[in-house]
PDB file of N, CA and C in Angstrom:
ATOM      1  N   UNK A   1     108.398  11.683 -15.136  1.00  0.00           N
ATOM      2  CA  UNK A   1     107.192  10.836 -14.729  1.00  0.00           C
ATOM      3  C   UNK A   1     106.314  10.324 -15.921  1.00  0.00           C
ATOM      4  N   UNK A   2     106.124   9.056 -15.695  1.00  0.00           N
ATOM      5  CA  UNK A   2     105.180   8.208 -16.712  1.00  0.00           C
ATOM      6  C   UNK A   2     103.898   8.351 -16.345  1.00  0.00           C
ATOM      7  N   UNK A   3     103.057   8.521 -17.189  1.00  0.00           N
ATOM      8  CA  UNK A   3     101.570   8.610 -17.110  1.00  0.00           C
ATOM      9  C   UNK A   3     100.897   7.304 -17.415  1.00  0.00           C
ATOM     10  N   UNK A   4     100.094   6.651 -16.664  1.00  0.00           N
ATOM     11  CA  UNK A   4      99.454   5.499 -16.863  1.00  0.00           C
ATOM     12  C   UNK A   4      98.326   5.824 -17.937  1.00  0.00           C
ATOM     13  N   UNK A   5      98.345   4.942 -19.084  1.00  0.00           N
ATOM     14  CA  UNK A   5      97.223   5.082 -19.919  1.00  0.00           C
ATOM     15  C   UNK A   5      96.000   4.714 -19.521  1.00  0.00           C
ATOM     16  N   UNK A   6      95.038   5.690 -19.686  1.00  0.00           N
ATOM     17  CA  UNK A   6      93.756   5.355 -19.378  1.00  0.00           C
ATOM     18  C   UNK A   6      92.795   4.690 -20.287  1.00  0.00           C
ATOM     19  N   UNK A   7      92.187   3.826 -20.199  1.00  0.00           N
ATOM     20  CA  UNK A   7      91.195   3.042 -21.096  1.00  0.00           C
ATOM     21  C   UNK A   7      89.833   3.288 -20.798  1.00  0.00           C
ATOM     22  N   UNK A   8      89.192   3.775 -21.870  1.00  0.00           N
ATOM     23  CA  UNK A   8      87.652   4.079 -21.675  1.00  0.00           C
ATOM     24  C   UNK A   8      87.039   2.700 -21.682  1.00  0.00           C
ATOM     25  N   UNK A   9      85.930   2.553 -20.911  1.00  0.00           N
ATOM     26  CA  UNK A   9      85.148   1.456 -20.879  1.00  0.00           C
ATOM     27  C   UNK A   9      84.548   1.159 -22.005  1.00  0.00           C
ATOM     28  N   UNK A  10      84.559  -0.073 -22.637  1.00  0.00           N
ATOM     29  CA  UNK A  10      83.632  -0.521 -23.848  1.00  0.00           C
ATOM     30  C   UNK A  10      82.209  -0.415 -23.564  1.00  0.00           C
ATOM     31  N   UNK A  11      81.565   0.373 -24.509  1.00  0.00           N
ATOM     32  CA  UNK A  11      80.155   0.506 -24.297  1.00  0.00           C
ATOM     33  C   UNK A  11      79.559  -0.693 -24.508  1.00  0.00           C
ATOM     34  N   UNK A  12      78.339  -0.835 -24.093  1.00  0.00           N
ATOM     35  CA  UNK A  12      77.590  -2.043 -24.314  1.00  0.00           C
ATOM     36  C   UNK A  12      76.529  -1.669 -25.429  1.00  0.00           C
ATOM     37  N   UNK A  13      76.925  -1.768 -26.640  1.00  0.00           N
ATOM     38  CA  UNK A  13      76.054  -1.329 -27.834  1.00  0.00           C
ATOM     39  C   UNK A  13      74.725  -2.195 -27.599  1.00  0.00           C
ATOM     40  N   UNK A  14      74.628  -3.536 -27.287  1.00  0.00           N
ATOM     41  CA  UNK A  14      73.293  -3.987 -27.176  1.00  0.00           C
ATOM     42  C   UNK A  14      72.230  -3.261 -26.371  1.00  0.00           C
ATOM     43  N   UNK A  15      72.967  -2.746 -25.300  1.00  0.00           N
ATOM     44  CA  UNK A  15      71.864  -1.773 -24.611  1.00  0.00           C
ATOM     45  C   UNK A  15      71.501  -0.454 -25.247  1.00  0.00           C
ATOM     46  N   UNK A  16      72.721   0.216 -25.662  1.00  0.00           N
ATOM     47  CA  UNK A  16      72.451   1.521 -26.262  1.00  0.00           C
ATOM     48  C   UNK A  16      71.788   1.425 -27.495  1.00  0.00           C
ATOM     49  N   UNK A  17      72.138   0.614 -28.300  1.00  0.00           N
ATOM     50  CA  UNK A  17      71.345   0.347 -29.751  1.00  0.00           C
ATOM     51  C   UNK A  17      69.746   0.119 -29.530  1.00  0.00           C
ATOM     52  N   UNK A  18      69.422  -0.523 -28.469  1.00  0.00           N
ATOM     53  CA  UNK A  18      68.102  -0.847 -28.155  1.00  0.00           C
ATOM     54  C   UNK A  18      67.211   0.389 -27.844  1.00  0.00           C
ATOM     55  N   UNK A  19      67.987   1.312 -27.220  1.00  0.00           N
ATOM     56  CA  UNK A  19      67.491   2.560 -26.701  1.00  0.00           C
ATOM     57  C   UNK A  19      67.338   3.547 -27.844  1.00  0.00           C
ATOM     58  N   UNK A  20      68.487   3.649 -28.542  1.00  0.00           N
ATOM     59  CA  UNK A  20      68.516   4.466 -29.661  1.00  0.00           C
ATOM     60  C   UNK A  20      67.797   4.229 -30.933  1.00  0.00           C
ATOM     61  N   UNK A  21      67.783   2.840 -31.340  1.00  0.00           N
ATOM     62  CA  UNK A  21      67.205   2.560 -32.545  1.00  0.00           C
ATOM     63  C   UNK A  21      65.977   1.337 -32.266  1.00  0.00           C
ATOM     64  N   UNK A  22      64.925   1.807 -31.751  1.00  0.00           N
ATOM     65  CA  UNK A  22      63.910   0.764 -31.416  1.00  0.00           C
ATOM     66  C   UNK A  22      63.398   0.041 -32.812  1.00  0.00           C
ATOM     67  N   UNK A  23      62.991  -1.052 -32.690  1.00  0.00           N
ATOM     68  CA  UNK A  23      62.475  -1.793 -33.867  1.00  0.00           C
ATOM     69  C   UNK A  23      61.426  -0.901 -34.514  1.00  0.00           C
ATOM     70  N   UNK A  24      61.427  -0.895 -35.757  1.00  0.00           N
ATOM     71  CA  UNK A  24      60.332  -0.207 -36.516  1.00  0.00           C
ATOM     72  C   UNK A  24      59.009  -0.867 -36.361  1.00  0.00           C
ATOM     73  N   UNK A  25      57.932   0.016 -36.137  1.00  0.00           N
ATOM     74  CA  UNK A  25      56.575  -0.516 -36.199  1.00  0.00           C
ATOM     75  C   UNK A  25      55.977  -0.922 -37.483  1.00  0.00           C
ATOM     76  N   UNK A  26      56.587  -0.281 -38.654  1.00  0.00           N
ATOM     77  CA  UNK A  26      56.100  -0.650 -39.968  1.00  0.00           C
ATOM     78  C   UNK A  26      57.394  -0.578 -40.871  1.00  0.00           C
ATOM     79  N   UNK A  27      57.213  -1.325 -42.120  1.00  0.00           N
ATOM     80  CA  UNK A  27      58.362  -1.417 -42.952  1.00  0.00           C
ATOM     81  C   UNK A  27      57.792  -0.915 -44.406  1.00  0.00           C
ATOM     82  N   UNK A  28      58.809  -0.674 -45.299  1.00  0.00           N
ATOM     83  CA  UNK A  28      58.473  -0.492 -46.496  1.00  0.00           C
ATOM     84  C   UNK A  28      58.378  -1.931 -47.263  1.00  0.00           C
ATOM     85  N   UNK A  29      58.044  -1.959 -48.585  1.00  0.00           N
ATOM     86  CA  UNK A  29      57.830  -3.396 -49.078  1.00  0.00           C
ATOM     87  C   UNK A  29      59.224  -4.149 -49.127  1.00  0.00           C
ATOM     88  N   UNK A  30      60.329  -3.508 -49.392  1.00  0.00           N
ATOM     89  CA  UNK A  30      61.757  -4.146 -49.433  1.00  0.00           C
ATOM     90  C   UNK A  30      62.108  -4.710 -48.119  1.00  0.00           C
ATOM     91  N   UNK A  31      61.805  -3.655 -47.195  1.00  0.00           N
ATOM     92  CA  UNK A  31      62.155  -4.162 -45.776  1.00  0.00           C
ATOM     93  C   UNK A  31      61.222  -5.203 -45.173  1.00  0.00           C
ATOM     94  N   UNK A  32      60.024  -5.355 -45.453  1.00  0.00           N
ATOM     95  CA  UNK A  32      58.941  -6.086 -45.268  1.00  0.00           C
ATOM     96  C   UNK A  32      59.403  -7.444 -45.799  1.00  0.00           C
ATOM     97  N   UNK A  33      59.815  -7.636 -46.993  1.00  0.00           N
ATOM     98  CA  UNK A  33      60.270  -8.964 -47.768  1.00  0.00           C
ATOM     99  C   UNK A  33      61.357  -9.603 -47.016  1.00  0.00           C
ATOM    100  N   UNK A  34      62.324  -8.672 -46.655  1.00  0.00           N
ATOM    101  CA  UNK A  34      63.577  -9.148 -46.127  1.00  0.00           C
ATOM    102  C   UNK A  34      63.164  -9.679 -44.565  1.00  0.00           C
ATOM    103  N   UNK A  35      62.339  -8.762 -43.809  1.00  0.00           N
ATOM    104  CA  UNK A  35      61.899  -9.220 -42.612  1.00  0.00           C
ATOM    105  C   UNK A  35      61.275 -10.522 -42.431  1.00  0.00           C
ATOM    106  N   UNK A  36      60.434 -10.809 -43.286  1.00  0.00           N
ATOM    107  CA  UNK A  36      59.796 -12.288 -43.348  1.00  0.00           C
ATOM    108  C   UNK A  36      60.462 -13.315 -44.249  1.00  0.00           C
ATOM    109  N   UNK A  37      61.593 -12.819 -44.954  1.00  0.00           N
ATOM    110  CA  UNK A  37      62.449 -13.722 -45.629  1.00  0.00           C
ATOM    111  C   UNK A  37      61.724 -14.264 -46.796  1.00  0.00           C
ATOM    112  N   UNK A  38      61.040 -13.466 -47.536  1.00  0.00           N
ATOM    113  CA  UNK A  38      60.722 -13.865 -48.668  1.00  0.00           C
ATOM    114  C   UNK A  38      61.148 -12.840 -49.839  1.00  0.00           C
ATOM    115  N   UNK A  39      60.767 -13.070 -51.155  1.00  0.00           N
ATOM    116  CA  UNK A  39      61.127 -12.015 -52.237  1.00  0.00           C
ATOM    117  C   UNK A  39      60.080 -11.223 -52.496  1.00  0.00           C
ATOM    118  N   UNK A  40      60.511  -9.999 -53.123  1.00  0.00           N
ATOM    119  CA  UNK A  40      59.363  -9.022 -53.240  1.00  0.00           C
ATOM    120  C   UNK A  40      58.171  -9.392 -54.199  1.00  0.00           C
ATOM    121  N   UNK A  41      58.398 -10.297 -55.190  1.00  0.00           N
ATOM    122  CA  UNK A  41      57.423 -10.792 -56.039  1.00  0.00           C
ATOM    123  C   UNK A  41      56.396 -11.467 -55.196  1.00  0.00           C
ATOM    124  N   UNK A  42      57.000 -12.433 -54.281  1.00  0.00           N
ATOM    125  CA  UNK A  42      55.973 -13.185 -53.409  1.00  0.00           C
ATOM    126  C   UNK A  42      55.248 -12.193 -52.422  1.00  0.00           C
ATOM    127  N   UNK A  43      55.846 -11.171 -51.843  1.00  0.00           N
ATOM    128  CA  UNK A  43      55.359 -10.323 -50.977  1.00  0.00           C
ATOM    129  C   UNK A  43      54.123  -9.573 -51.782  1.00  0.00           C
ATOM    130  N   UNK A  44      54.416  -9.176 -52.881  1.00  0.00           N
ATOM    131  CA  UNK A  44      53.115  -8.376 -53.848  1.00  0.00           C
ATOM    132  C   UNK A  44      52.129  -9.437 -54.080  1.00  0.00           C
ATOM    133  N   UNK A  45      52.594 -10.839 -54.397  1.00  0.00           N
ATOM    134  CA  UNK A  45      51.328 -11.709 -54.603  1.00  0.00           C
ATOM    135  C   UNK A  45      50.583 -11.839 -53.376  1.00  0.00           C
ATOM    136  N   UNK A  46      51.006 -11.903 -52.029  1.00  0.00           N
ATOM    137  CA  UNK A  46      50.560 -11.953 -50.917  1.00  0.00           C
ATOM    138  C   UNK A  46      49.511 -10.776 -50.565  1.00  0.00           C
ATOM    139  N   UNK A  47      50.081  -9.532 -50.916  1.00  0.00           N
ATOM    140  CA  UNK A  47      49.201  -8.282 -50.784  1.00  0.00           C
ATOM    141  C   UNK A  47      48.157  -8.309 -51.678  1.00  0.00           C
ATOM    142  N   UNK A  48      48.354  -8.755 -52.914  1.00  0.00           N
ATOM    143  CA  UNK A  48      47.318  -8.667 -54.126  1.00  0.00           C
ATOM    144  C   UNK A  48      46.277  -9.702 -53.473  1.00  0.00           C
ATOM    145  N   UNK A  49      46.542 -10.847 -53.048  1.00  0.00           N
ATOM    146  CA  UNK A  49      45.642 -11.790 -52.592  1.00  0.00           C
ATOM    147  C   UNK A  49      44.749 -11.343 -51.143  1.00  0.00           C
ATOM    148  N   UNK A  50      45.252 -10.434 -50.689  1.00  0.00           N
ATOM    149  CA  UNK A  50      44.606  -9.870 -49.386  1.00  0.00           C
ATOM    150  C   UNK A  50      45.115 -10.457 -48.210  1.00  0.00           C
ATOM    151  N   UNK A  51      46.192 -11.235 -48.238  1.00  0.00           N
ATOM    152  CA  UNK A  51      46.769 -11.889 -47.129  1.00  0.00           C
ATOM    153  C   UNK A  51      47.643 -11.051 -46.078  1.00  0.00           C
ATOM    154  N   UNK A  52      48.203 -10.043 -46.705  1.00  0.00           N
ATOM    155  CA  UNK A  52      49.121  -9.001 -46.151  1.00  0.00           C
ATOM    156  C   UNK A  52      48.575  -7.709 -46.346  1.00  0.00           C
ATOM    157  N   UNK A  53      48.046  -6.972 -45.354  1.00  0.00           N
ATOM    158  CA  UNK A  53      47.469  -5.583 -45.524  1.00  0.00           C
ATOM    159  C   UNK A  53      48.505  -4.706 -45.561  1.00  0.00           C
ATOM    160  N   UNK A  54      48.214  -3.466 -46.246  1.00  0.00           N
ATOM    161  CA  UNK A  54      49.203  -2.465 -46.478  1.00  0.00           C
ATOM    162  C   UNK A  54      48.461  -1.088 -45.904  1.00  0.00           C
ATOM    163  N   UNK A  55      49.383  -0.248 -45.842  1.00  0.00           N
ATOM    164  CA  UNK A  55      48.930   1.153 -45.462  1.00  0.00           C
ATOM    165  C   UNK A  55      49.713   2.043 -46.557  1.00  0.00           C
ATOM    166  N   UNK A  56      48.849   3.054 -47.076  1.00  0.00           N
ATOM    167  CA  UNK A  56      49.507   4.080 -47.840  1.00  0.00           C
ATOM    168  C   UNK A  56      49.844   5.299 -47.239  1.00  0.00           C
ATOM    169  N   UNK A  57      50.976   5.997 -47.251  1.00  0.00           N
ATOM    170  CA  UNK A  57      51.279   7.315 -46.920  1.00  0.00           C
ATOM    171  C   UNK A  57      51.783   8.044 -48.316  1.00  0.00           C
ATOM    172  N   UNK A  58      51.047   8.895 -48.764  1.00  0.00           N
ATOM    173  CA  UNK A  58      51.431   9.413 -50.211  1.00  0.00           C
ATOM    174  C   UNK A  58      51.761   8.216 -51.001  1.00  0.00           C
ATOM    175  N   UNK A  59      52.913   8.201 -51.630  1.00  0.00           N
ATOM    176  CA  UNK A  59      52.998   7.290 -52.526  1.00  0.00           C
ATOM    177  C   UNK A  59      53.780   6.136 -51.898  1.00  0.00           C
ATOM    178  N   UNK A  60      54.203   6.263 -50.576  1.00  0.00           N
ATOM    179  CA  UNK A  60      54.817   5.017 -49.986  1.00  0.00           C
ATOM    180  C   UNK A  60      53.978   3.911 -49.413  1.00  0.00           C
ATOM    181  N   UNK A  61      54.070   2.807 -49.556  1.00  0.00           N
ATOM    182  CA  UNK A  61      53.439   1.667 -49.102  1.00  0.00           C
ATOM    183  C   UNK A  61      54.140   1.163 -47.854  1.00  0.00           C
ATOM    184  N   UNK A  62      53.427   0.892 -46.990  1.00  0.00           N
ATOM    185  CA  UNK A  62      53.929   0.627 -45.436  1.00  0.00           C
ATOM    186  C   UNK A  62      53.168  -0.680 -45.071  1.00  0.00           C
ATOM    187  N   UNK A  63      53.787  -1.590 -44.404  1.00  0.00           N
ATOM    188  CA  UNK A  63      53.367  -2.809 -43.749  1.00  0.00           C
ATOM    189  C   UNK A  63      53.681  -2.999 -42.360  1.00  0.00           C
ATOM    190  N   UNK A  64      52.667  -2.978 -41.500  1.00  0.00           N
ATOM    191  CA  UNK A  64      52.744  -3.146 -39.988  1.00  0.00           C
ATOM    192  C   UNK A  64      53.724  -4.289 -39.604  1.00  0.00           C
ATOM    193  N   UNK A  65      54.643  -4.294 -38.636  1.00  0.00           N
ATOM    194  CA  UNK A  65      55.373  -5.365 -38.172  1.00  0.00           C
ATOM    195  C   UNK A  65      54.192  -6.445 -37.791  1.00  0.00           C
ATOM    196  N   UNK A  66      53.277  -5.949 -37.132  1.00  0.00           N
ATOM    197  CA  UNK A  66      52.240  -6.937 -36.510  1.00  0.00           C
ATOM    198  C   UNK A  66      51.464  -7.688 -37.449  1.00  0.00           C
ATOM    199  N   UNK A  67      51.275  -7.131 -38.651  1.00  0.00           N
ATOM    200  CA  UNK A  67      50.594  -7.716 -39.821  1.00  0.00           C
ATOM    201  C   UNK A  67      51.609  -8.882 -40.330  1.00  0.00           C
ATOM    202  N   UNK A  68      52.851  -8.463 -40.504  1.00  0.00           N
ATOM    203  CA  UNK A  68      53.796  -9.472 -41.026  1.00  0.00           C
ATOM    204  C   UNK A  68      53.990 -10.560 -40.068  1.00  0.00           C
ATOM    205  N   UNK A  69      54.102 -10.416 -38.719  1.00  0.00           N
ATOM    206  CA  UNK A  69      54.005 -11.271 -37.811  1.00  0.00           C
ATOM    207  C   UNK A  69      53.032 -12.307 -37.683  1.00  0.00           C
ATOM    208  N   UNK A  70      51.686 -11.687 -37.865  1.00  0.00           N
ATOM    209  CA  UNK A  70      50.493 -12.443 -38.073  1.00  0.00           C
ATOM    210  C   UNK A  70      50.510 -13.434 -39.171  1.00  0.00           C
ATOM    211  N   UNK A  71      51.026 -12.844 -40.370  1.00  0.00           N
ATOM    212  CA  UNK A  71      51.113 -13.592 -41.526  1.00  0.00           C
ATOM    213  C   UNK A  71      52.072 -14.856 -41.276  1.00  0.00           C
ATOM    214  N   UNK A  72      53.233 -14.591 -40.557  1.00  0.00           N
ATOM    215  CA  UNK A  72      54.119 -15.600 -40.501  1.00  0.00           C
ATOM    216  C   UNK A  72      53.465 -16.716 -39.522  1.00  0.00           C
ATOM    217  N   UNK A  73      52.712 -16.143 -38.526  1.00  0.00           N
ATOM    218  CA  UNK A  73      52.096 -17.190 -37.615  1.00  0.00           C
ATOM    219  C   UNK A  73      51.030 -18.083 -38.187  1.00  0.00           C
ATOM    220  N   UNK A  74      50.443 -17.543 -39.248  1.00  0.00           N
ATOM    221  CA  UNK A  74      49.316 -18.328 -39.780  1.00  0.00           C
ATOM    222  C   UNK A  74      49.943 -19.286 -40.700  1.00  0.00           C
ATOM    223  N   UNK A  75      51.071 -19.541 -41.019  1.00  0.00           N
ATOM    224  CA  UNK A  75      51.544 -20.410 -41.941  1.00  0.00           C
ATOM    225  C   UNK A  75      51.652 -21.633 -41.145  1.00  0.00           C
ATOM    226  N   UNK A  76      51.286 -22.859 -41.563  1.00  0.00           N
ATOM    227  CA  UNK A  76      51.129 -23.947 -40.873  1.00  0.00           C
ATOM    228  C   UNK A  76      52.658 -24.539 -40.632  1.00  0.00           C
ATOM    229  N   UNK A  77      52.777 -25.195 -39.559  1.00  0.00           N
ATOM    230  CA  UNK A  77      54.070 -25.739 -39.397  1.00  0.00           C
ATOM    231  C   UNK A  77      54.267 -26.957 -40.119  1.00  0.00           C
ATOM    232  N   UNK A  78      55.621 -27.176 -40.618  1.00  0.00           N
ATOM    233  CA  UNK A  78      55.997 -28.069 -41.429  1.00  0.00           C
ATOM    234  C   UNK A  78      55.921 -29.680 -40.629  1.00  0.00           C
ATOM    235  N   UNK A  79      55.441 -30.572 -41.109  1.00  0.00           N
ATOM    236  CA  UNK A  79      55.478 -31.774 -40.170  1.00  0.00           C
ATOM    237  C   UNK A  79      56.762 -32.445 -40.203  1.00  0.00           C
ATOM    238  N   UNK A  80      57.135 -32.927 -39.127  1.00  0.00           N
ATOM    239  CA  UNK A  80      58.382 -33.521 -38.922  1.00  0.00           C
ATOM    240  C   UNK A  80      58.425 -34.968 -39.475  1.00  0.00           C
ATOM    241  N   UNK A  81      59.370 -35.381 -40.243  1.00  0.00           N
ATOM    242  CA  UNK A  81      59.292 -36.694 -40.973  1.00  0.00           C
ATOM    243  C   UNK A  81      60.119 -37.736 -40.011  1.00  0.00           C
TER     244      UNK A  81
END
């Protein structure tokens, strides 16, 4: 007697990933630079100028997602030519 092969349903990773791995509320400096699409040198220039606030936990520097989003929102849009 032949047995029918059973196929497990393919999980919807877009749903399970969102539940398991929520977006972080804060980033380290490398993650922050990648998140906003700039290099670490420019990120540190913006931090030094006071335009991107940081938090320190021990030796670790953290930057809140909301502060990065605010920094991006403050950049004036480029005029369409």
